[in-house]
PDB file of all heavy atoms in Angstrom:
ATOM      1  N   SER A   1     -85.027-113.666 -82.645  1.00  0.00           N
ATOM      2  CA  SER A   1     -85.982-113.289 -81.654  1.00  0.00           C
ATOM      3  C   SER A   1     -87.368-113.813 -81.989  1.00  0.00           C
ATOM      4  O   SER A   1     -87.457-114.770 -82.675  1.00  0.00           O
ATOM      5  CB  SER A   1     -85.972-111.731 -81.498  1.00  0.00           C
ATOM      6  OG  SER A   1     -86.620-111.407 -80.232  1.00  0.00           O
ATOM      7  N   GLY A   2     -88.447-113.142 -81.424  1.00  0.00           N
ATOM      8  CA  GLY A   2     -89.728-113.811 -81.398  1.00  0.00           C
ATOM      9  C   GLY A   2     -90.872-113.026 -82.167  1.00  0.00           C
ATOM     10  O   GLY A   2     -90.560-112.336 -83.184  1.00  0.00           O
ATOM     11  N   HIS A   3     -92.005-113.186 -81.653  1.00  0.00           N
ATOM     12  CA  HIS A   3     -93.278-112.731 -82.340  1.00  0.00           C
ATOM     13  C   HIS A   3     -93.278-111.264 -82.498  1.00  0.00           C
ATOM     14  O   HIS A   3     -93.865-110.758 -83.498  1.00  0.00           O
ATOM     15  CB  HIS A   3     -94.484-113.190 -81.549  1.00  0.00           C
ATOM     16  CG  HIS A   3     -95.753-113.203 -82.285  1.00  0.00           C
ATOM     17  ND1 HIS A   3     -95.998-114.174 -83.276  1.00  0.00           N
ATOM     18  CD2 HIS A   3     -96.862-112.500 -82.269  1.00  0.00           C
ATOM     19  CE1 HIS A   3     -97.187-113.951 -83.808  1.00  0.00           C
ATOM     20  NE2 HIS A   3     -97.741-112.912 -83.170  1.00  0.00           N
ATOM     21  N   ILE A   4     -92.664-110.500 -81.629  1.00  0.00           N
ATOM     22  CA  ILE A   4     -92.694-109.034 -81.697  1.00  0.00           C
ATOM     23  C   ILE A   4     -91.361-108.515 -82.116  1.00  0.00           C
ATOM     24  O   ILE A   4     -91.166-107.890 -83.153  1.00  0.00           O
ATOM     25  CB  ILE A   4     -93.179-108.376 -80.360  1.00  0.00           C
ATOM     26  CG1 ILE A   4     -94.577-108.952 -80.010  1.00  0.00           C
ATOM     27  CG2 ILE A   4     -93.194-106.871 -80.558  1.00  0.00           C
ATOM     28  CD1 ILE A   4     -95.634-108.676 -80.967  1.00  0.00           C
ATOM     29  N   ALA A   5     -90.324-108.764 -81.276  1.00  0.00           N
ATOM     30  CA  ALA A   5     -89.029-108.242 -81.532  1.00  0.00           C
ATOM     31  C   ALA A   5     -88.422-108.763 -82.890  1.00  0.00           C
ATOM     32  O   ALA A   5     -87.614-108.097 -83.445  1.00  0.00           O
ATOM     33  CB  ALA A   5     -88.070-108.602 -80.446  1.00  0.00           C
ATOM     34  N   GLY A   6     -88.861-109.928 -83.315  1.00  0.00           N
ATOM     35  CA  GLY A   6     -88.368-110.451 -84.557  1.00  0.00           C
ATOM     36  C   GLY A   6     -88.925-109.647 -85.775  1.00  0.00           C
ATOM     37  O   GLY A   6     -88.349-109.638 -86.818  1.00  0.00           O
ATOM     38  N   VAL A   7     -90.074-109.002 -85.545  1.00  0.00           N
ATOM     39  CA  VAL A   7     -90.717-108.247 -86.589  1.00  0.00           C
ATOM     40  C   VAL A   7     -90.198-106.758 -86.420  1.00  0.00           C
ATOM     41  O   VAL A   7     -89.701-106.130 -87.384  1.00  0.00           O
ATOM     42  CB  VAL A   7     -92.234-108.311 -86.510  1.00  0.00           C
ATOM     43  CG1 VAL A   7     -92.899-107.266 -87.523  1.00  0.00           C
ATOM     44  CG2 VAL A   7     -92.720-109.703 -86.844  1.00  0.00           C
ATOM     45  N   VAL A   8     -90.360-106.217 -85.257  1.00  0.00           N
ATOM     46  CA  VAL A   8     -90.044-104.845 -84.984  1.00  0.00           C
ATOM     47  C   VAL A   8     -88.542-104.709 -84.648  1.00  0.00           C
ATOM     48  O   VAL A   8     -88.187-104.649 -83.441  1.00  0.00           O
ATOM     49  CB  VAL A   8     -90.920-104.256 -83.891  1.00  0.00           C
ATOM     50  CG1 VAL A   8     -90.604-102.756 -83.648  1.00  0.00           C
ATOM     51  CG2 VAL A   8     -92.384-104.479 -84.170  1.00  0.00           C
ATOM     52  N   ASN A   9     -87.802-104.690 -85.642  1.00  0.00           N
ATOM     53  CA  ASN A   9     -86.303-104.761 -85.494  1.00  0.00           C
ATOM     54  C   ASN A   9     -85.672-103.752 -86.506  1.00  0.00           C
ATOM     55  O   ASN A   9     -85.191-104.158 -87.580  1.00  0.00           O
ATOM     56  CB  ASN A   9     -85.740-106.131 -85.642  1.00  0.00           C
ATOM     57  CG  ASN A   9     -84.229-106.119 -85.405  1.00  0.00           C
ATOM     58  OD1 ASN A   9     -83.649-105.395 -84.664  1.00  0.00           O
ATOM     59  ND2 ASN A   9     -83.474-107.087 -86.111  1.00  0.00           N
ATOM     60  N   PRO A  10     -85.734-102.412 -86.270  1.00  0.00           N
ATOM     61  CA  PRO A  10     -85.238-101.491 -87.214  1.00  0.00           C
ATOM     62  C   PRO A  10     -83.691-101.623 -87.493  1.00  0.00           C
ATOM     63  O   PRO A  10     -82.964-102.042 -86.558  1.00  0.00           O
ATOM     64  CB  PRO A  10     -85.556-100.138 -86.548  1.00  0.00           C
ATOM     65  CG  PRO A  10     -85.653-100.453 -85.070  1.00  0.00           C
ATOM     66  CD  PRO A  10     -86.292-101.836 -85.036  1.00  0.00           C
ATOM     67  N   PRO A  11     -83.241-101.337 -88.611  1.00  0.00           N
ATOM     68  CA  PRO A  11     -81.785-101.394 -89.028  1.00  0.00           C
ATOM     69  C   PRO A  11     -80.910-100.581 -88.021  1.00  0.00           C
ATOM     70  O   PRO A  11     -79.813-101.113 -87.708  1.00  0.00           O
ATOM     71  CB  PRO A  11     -81.752-100.879 -90.350  1.00  0.00           C
ATOM     72  CG  PRO A  11     -83.103-101.053 -90.974  1.00  0.00           C
ATOM     73  CD  PRO A  11     -84.061-100.881 -89.775  1.00  0.00           C
ATOM     74  N   GLU A  12     -81.404 -99.419 -87.542  1.00  0.00           N
ATOM     75  CA  GLU A  12     -80.577 -98.595 -86.721  1.00  0.00           C
ATOM     76  C   GLU A  12     -80.263 -99.272 -85.347  1.00  0.00           C
ATOM     77  O   GLU A  12     -79.325 -98.898 -84.685  1.00  0.00           O
ATOM     78  CB  GLU A  12     -81.276 -97.252 -86.442  1.00  0.00           C
ATOM     79  CG  GLU A  12     -81.362 -96.376 -87.660  1.00  0.00           C
ATOM     80  CD  GLU A  12     -82.454 -96.806 -88.641  1.00  0.00           C
ATOM     81  OE1 GLU A  12     -83.284 -97.694 -88.236  1.00  0.00           O
ATOM     82  OE2 GLU A  12     -82.527 -96.328 -89.740  1.00  0.00           O
ATOM     83  N   SER A  13     -81.097-100.278 -84.974  1.00  0.00           N
ATOM     84  CA  SER A  13     -80.896-100.827 -83.638  1.00  0.00           C
ATOM     85  C   SER A  13     -79.646-101.770 -83.617  1.00  0.00           C
ATOM     86  O   SER A  13     -79.054-101.951 -82.531  1.00  0.00           O
ATOM     87  CB  SER A  13     -82.156-101.637 -83.201  1.00  0.00           C
ATOM     88  OG  SER A  13     -82.236-102.844 -84.026  1.00  0.00           O
ATOM     89  N   GLY A  14     -79.258-102.309 -84.785  1.00  0.00           N
ATOM     90  CA  GLY A  14     -78.170-103.247 -84.861  1.00  0.00           C
ATOM     91  C   GLY A  14     -78.381-104.474 -84.091  1.00  0.00           C
ATOM     92  O   GLY A  14     -77.403-105.232 -83.766  1.00  0.00           O
ATOM     93  N   LYS A  15     -79.580-104.911 -83.845  1.00  0.00           N
ATOM     94  CA  LYS A  15     -79.890-106.103 -83.089  1.00  0.00           C
ATOM     95  C   LYS A  15     -80.248-107.278 -83.935  1.00  0.00           C
ATOM     96  O   LYS A  15     -80.557-107.185 -85.068  1.00  0.00           O
ATOM     97  CB  LYS A  15     -81.159-105.882 -82.132  1.00  0.00           C
ATOM     98  CG  LYS A  15     -80.887-104.836 -81.016  1.00  0.00           C
ATOM     99  CD  LYS A  15     -82.176-104.812 -80.179  1.00  0.00           C
ATOM    100  CE  LYS A  15     -81.961-103.953 -78.934  1.00  0.00           C
ATOM    101  NZ  LYS A  15     -83.189-103.858 -78.100  1.00  0.00           N
ATOM    102  N   TYR A  16     -79.971-108.468 -83.343  1.00  0.00           N
ATOM    103  CA  TYR A  16     -80.390-109.761 -83.846  1.00  0.00           C
ATOM    104  C   TYR A  16     -79.738-110.034 -85.181  1.00  0.00           C
ATOM    105  O   TYR A  16     -78.661-109.521 -85.519  1.00  0.00           O
ATOM    106  CB  TYR A  16     -81.953-109.839 -83.929  1.00  0.00           C
ATOM    107  CG  TYR A  16     -82.612-109.427 -82.693  1.00  0.00           C
ATOM    108  CD1 TYR A  16     -83.648-108.422 -82.628  1.00  0.00           C
ATOM    109  CD2 TYR A  16     -82.282-110.053 -81.491  1.00  0.00           C
ATOM    110  CE1 TYR A  16     -84.243-108.092 -81.488  1.00  0.00           C
ATOM    111  CE2 TYR A  16     -82.955-109.740 -80.307  1.00  0.00           C
ATOM    112  CZ  TYR A  16     -83.878-108.702 -80.296  1.00  0.00           C
ATOM    113  OH  TYR A  16     -84.532-108.407 -79.144  1.00  0.00           O
ATOM    114  N   GLN A  17     -80.396-110.849 -86.019  1.00  0.00           N
ATOM    115  CA  GLN A  17     -79.876-111.313 -87.279  1.00  0.00           C
ATOM    116  C   GLN A  17     -81.043-112.007 -88.020  1.00  0.00           C
ATOM    117  O   GLN A  17     -82.103-112.116 -87.530  1.00  0.00           O
ATOM    118  CB  GLN A  17     -78.742-112.315 -87.040  1.00  0.00           C
ATOM    119  CG  GLN A  17     -79.107-113.687 -86.408  1.00  0.00           C
ATOM    120  CD  GLN A  17     -79.302-113.569 -84.948  1.00  0.00           C
ATOM    121  OE1 GLN A  17     -80.406-113.484 -84.531  1.00  0.00           O
ATOM    122  NE2 GLN A  17     -78.221-113.541 -84.170  1.00  0.00           N
ATOM    123  N   TYR A  18     -80.741-112.351 -89.203  1.00  0.00           N
ATOM    124  CA  TYR A  18     -81.709-113.145 -90.009  1.00  0.00           C
ATOM    125  C   TYR A  18     -80.943-114.086 -90.964  1.00  0.00           C
ATOM    126  O   TYR A  18     -79.783-113.964 -91.225  1.00  0.00           O
ATOM    127  CB  TYR A  18     -82.610-112.211 -90.826  1.00  0.00           C
ATOM    128  CG  TYR A  18     -81.964-111.423 -91.899  1.00  0.00           C
ATOM    129  CD1 TYR A  18     -82.032-111.852 -93.231  1.00  0.00           C
ATOM    130  CD2 TYR A  18     -81.391-110.188 -91.623  1.00  0.00           C
ATOM    131  CE1 TYR A  18     -81.391-111.127 -94.221  1.00  0.00           C
ATOM    132  CE2 TYR A  18     -80.828-109.408 -92.614  1.00  0.00           C
ATOM    133  CZ  TYR A  18     -80.790-109.938 -93.954  1.00  0.00           C
ATOM    134  OH  TYR A  18     -80.180-109.129 -94.949  1.00  0.00           O
ATOM    135  N   TRP A  19     -81.756-115.112 -91.406  1.00  0.00           N
ATOM    136  CA  TRP A  19     -81.106-116.191 -92.186  1.00  0.00           C
ATOM    137  C   TRP A  19     -81.975-116.293 -93.550  1.00  0.00           C
ATOM    138  O   TRP A  19     -83.214-116.224 -93.519  1.00  0.00           O
ATOM    139  CB  TRP A  19     -81.193-117.502 -91.532  1.00  0.00           C
ATOM    140  CG  TRP A  19     -80.296-117.572 -90.316  1.00  0.00           C
ATOM    141  CD1 TRP A  19     -78.997-118.115 -90.342  1.00  0.00           C
ATOM    142  CD2 TRP A  19     -80.532-117.190 -88.977  1.00  0.00           C
ATOM    143  NE1 TRP A  19     -78.470-118.001 -88.993  1.00  0.00           N
ATOM    144  CE2 TRP A  19     -79.444-117.429 -88.223  1.00  0.00           C
ATOM    145  CE3 TRP A  19     -81.685-116.606 -88.377  1.00  0.00           C
ATOM    146  CZ2 TRP A  19     -79.361-117.216 -86.876  1.00  0.00           C
ATOM    147  CZ3 TRP A  19     -81.631-116.319 -86.981  1.00  0.00           C
ATOM    148  CH2 TRP A  19     -80.515-116.631 -86.226  1.00  0.00           C
ATOM    149  N   LEU A  20     -81.241-116.477 -94.641  1.00  0.00           N
ATOM    150  CA  LEU A  20     -81.824-116.738 -95.903  1.00  0.00           C
ATOM    151  C   LEU A  20     -81.195-117.928 -96.523  1.00  0.00           C
ATOM    152  O   LEU A  20     -80.030-118.239 -96.270  1.00  0.00           O
ATOM    153  CB  LEU A  20     -81.663-115.579 -96.953  1.00  0.00           C
ATOM    154  CG  LEU A  20     -82.388-114.264 -96.553  1.00  0.00           C
ATOM    155  CD1 LEU A  20     -81.888-113.074 -97.364  1.00  0.00           C
ATOM    156  CD2 LEU A  20     -83.846-114.417 -96.767  1.00  0.00           C
ATOM    157  N   ASN A  21     -81.905-118.663 -97.336  1.00  0.00           N
ATOM    158  CA  ASN A  21     -81.384-119.832 -98.055  1.00  0.00           C
ATOM    159  C   ASN A  21     -81.691-119.731 -99.475  1.00  0.00           C
ATOM    160  O   ASN A  21     -82.922-119.783 -99.848  1.00  0.00           O
ATOM    161  CB  ASN A  21     -81.994-121.121 -97.404  1.00  0.00           C
ATOM    162  CG  ASN A  21     -81.304-122.393 -98.024  1.00  0.00           C
ATOM    163  OD1 ASN A  21     -80.938-122.460 -99.121  1.00  0.00           O
ATOM    164  ND2 ASN A  21     -81.212-123.400 -97.190  1.00  0.00           N
ATOM    165  N   PRO A  22     -80.788-119.504-100.432  1.00  0.00           N
ATOM    166  CA  PRO A  22     -81.073-119.303-101.818  1.00  0.00           C
ATOM    167  C   PRO A  22     -81.566-120.553-102.592  1.00  0.00           C
ATOM    168  O   PRO A  22     -82.036-120.473-103.721  1.00  0.00           O
ATOM    169  CB  PRO A  22     -79.774-118.773-102.373  1.00  0.00           C
ATOM    170  CG  PRO A  22     -78.746-119.409-101.527  1.00  0.00           C
ATOM    171  CD  PRO A  22     -79.356-119.484-100.178  1.00  0.00           C
ATOM    172  N   ASP A  23     -81.388-121.673-101.980  1.00  0.00           N
ATOM    173  CA  ASP A  23     -81.788-122.907-102.616  1.00  0.00           C
ATOM    174  C   ASP A  23     -83.339-123.155-102.472  1.00  0.00           C
ATOM    175  O   ASP A  23     -84.064-122.274-102.093  1.00  0.00           O
ATOM    176  CB  ASP A  23     -80.966-124.144-102.041  1.00  0.00           C
ATOM    177  CG  ASP A  23     -79.490-123.955-102.270  1.00  0.00           C
ATOM    178  OD1 ASP A  23     -79.161-123.422-103.325  1.00  0.00           O
ATOM    179  OD2 ASP A  23     -78.737-124.328-101.371  1.00  0.00           O
ATOM    180  N   SER A  24     -83.671-124.390-102.679  1.00  0.00           N
ATOM    181  CA  SER A  24     -85.204-124.788-102.558  1.00  0.00           C
ATOM    182  C   SER A  24     -85.326-125.799-101.497  1.00  0.00           C
ATOM    183  O   SER A  24     -85.652-127.009-101.794  1.00  0.00           O
ATOM    184  CB  SER A  24     -85.707-125.184-103.908  1.00  0.00           C
ATOM    185  OG  SER A  24     -85.527-124.184-104.880  1.00  0.00           O
ATOM    186  N   PRO A  25     -85.144-125.453-100.251  1.00  0.00           N
ATOM    187  CA  PRO A  25     -85.209-126.453 -99.195  1.00  0.00           C
ATOM    188  C   PRO A  25     -86.641-126.990 -99.086  1.00  0.00           C
ATOM    189  O   PRO A  25     -87.596-126.338 -99.266  1.00  0.00           O
ATOM    190  CB  PRO A  25     -84.821-125.754 -97.940  1.00  0.00           C
ATOM    191  CG  PRO A  25     -85.114-124.293 -98.216  1.00  0.00           C
ATOM    192  CD  PRO A  25     -84.868-124.143 -99.688  1.00  0.00           C
ATOM    193  N   ALA A  26     -86.785-128.268 -98.711  1.00  0.00           N
ATOM    194  CA  ALA A  26     -88.127-128.922 -98.584  1.00  0.00           C
ATOM    195  C   ALA A  26     -88.584-128.881 -97.146  1.00  0.00           C
ATOM    196  O   ALA A  26     -89.788-129.197 -96.914  1.00  0.00           O
ATOM    197  CB  ALA A  26     -87.988-130.386 -99.023  1.00  0.00           C
ATOM    198  N   SER A  27     -87.785-128.446 -96.222  1.00  0.00           N
ATOM    199  CA  SER A  27     -88.250-128.401 -94.773  1.00  0.00           C
ATOM    200  C   SER A  27     -87.495-127.241 -94.133  1.00  0.00           C
ATOM    201  O   SER A  27     -86.533-126.737 -94.609  1.00  0.00           O
ATOM    202  CB  SER A  27     -88.008-129.682 -94.110  1.00  0.00           C
ATOM    203  OG  SER A  27     -86.589-129.920 -93.921  1.00  0.00           O
ATOM    204  N   LEU A  28     -87.997-126.860 -92.964  1.00  0.00           N
ATOM    205  CA  LEU A  28     -87.304-125.815 -92.179  1.00  0.00           C
ATOM    206  C   LEU A  28     -85.962-126.290 -91.745  1.00  0.00           C
ATOM    207  O   LEU A  28     -84.966-125.515 -91.730  1.00  0.00           O
ATOM    208  CB  LEU A  28     -88.160-125.457 -90.941  1.00  0.00           C
ATOM    209  CG  LEU A  28     -87.615-124.333 -90.015  1.00  0.00           C
ATOM    210  CD1 LEU A  28     -87.411-123.022 -90.867  1.00  0.00           C
ATOM    211  CD2 LEU A  28     -88.377-124.115 -88.809  1.00  0.00           C
ATOM    212  N   ASP A  29     -85.847-127.576 -91.401  1.00  0.00           N
ATOM    213  CA  ASP A  29     -84.486-128.095 -91.059  1.00  0.00           C
ATOM    214  C   ASP A  29     -83.480-127.908 -92.243  1.00  0.00           C
ATOM    215  O   ASP A  29     -82.354-127.529 -92.028  1.00  0.00           O
ATOM    216  CB  ASP A  29     -84.590-129.551 -90.628  1.00  0.00           C
ATOM    217  CG  ASP A  29     -85.237-129.756 -89.301  1.00  0.00           C
ATOM    218  OD1 ASP A  29     -85.378-128.726 -88.536  1.00  0.00           O
ATOM    219  OD2 ASP A  29     -85.775-130.820 -88.993  1.00  0.00           O
ATOM    220  N   GLU A  30     -83.945-128.215 -93.399  1.00  0.00           N
ATOM    221  CA  GLU A  30     -83.042-128.070 -94.615  1.00  0.00           C
ATOM    222  C   GLU A  30     -82.745-126.587 -94.776  1.00  0.00           C
ATOM    223  O   GLU A  30     -81.692-126.227 -95.177  1.00  0.00           O
ATOM    224  CB  GLU A  30     -83.714-128.632 -95.814  1.00  0.00           C
ATOM    225  CG  GLU A  30     -83.757-130.147 -95.867  1.00  0.00           C
ATOM    226  CD  GLU A  30     -84.269-130.639 -97.217  1.00  0.00           C
ATOM    227  OE1 GLU A  30     -84.244-129.891 -98.197  1.00  0.00           O
ATOM    228  OE2 GLU A  30     -84.706-131.842 -97.250  1.00  0.00           O
ATOM    229  N   PHE A  31     -83.759-125.803 -94.589  1.00  0.00           N
ATOM    230  CA  PHE A  31     -83.549-124.299 -94.771  1.00  0.00           C
ATOM    231  C   PHE A  31     -82.474-123.886 -93.796  1.00  0.00           C
ATOM    232  O   PHE A  31     -81.473-123.171 -94.213  1.00  0.00           O
ATOM    233  CB  PHE A  31     -84.846-123.562 -94.485  1.00  0.00           C
ATOM    234  CG  PHE A  31     -84.751-122.043 -94.413  1.00  0.00           C
ATOM    235  CD1 PHE A  31     -84.864-121.299 -95.630  1.00  0.00           C
ATOM    236  CD2 PHE A  31     -84.305-121.405 -93.335  1.00  0.00           C
ATOM    237  CE1 PHE A  31     -84.699-119.918 -95.625  1.00  0.00           C
ATOM    238  CE2 PHE A  31     -84.186-120.057 -93.228  1.00  0.00           C
ATOM    239  CZ  PHE A  31     -84.359-119.288 -94.382  1.00  0.00           C
TER     240      PHE A  31
END
């Protein structure tokens, strides 16, 4: 989601998702 819903997303809502990358990417595309 975006500027608001991407931040205000409580766990109980069950909405959306998020991404993590444990490596050390040099760009957002690599991430």
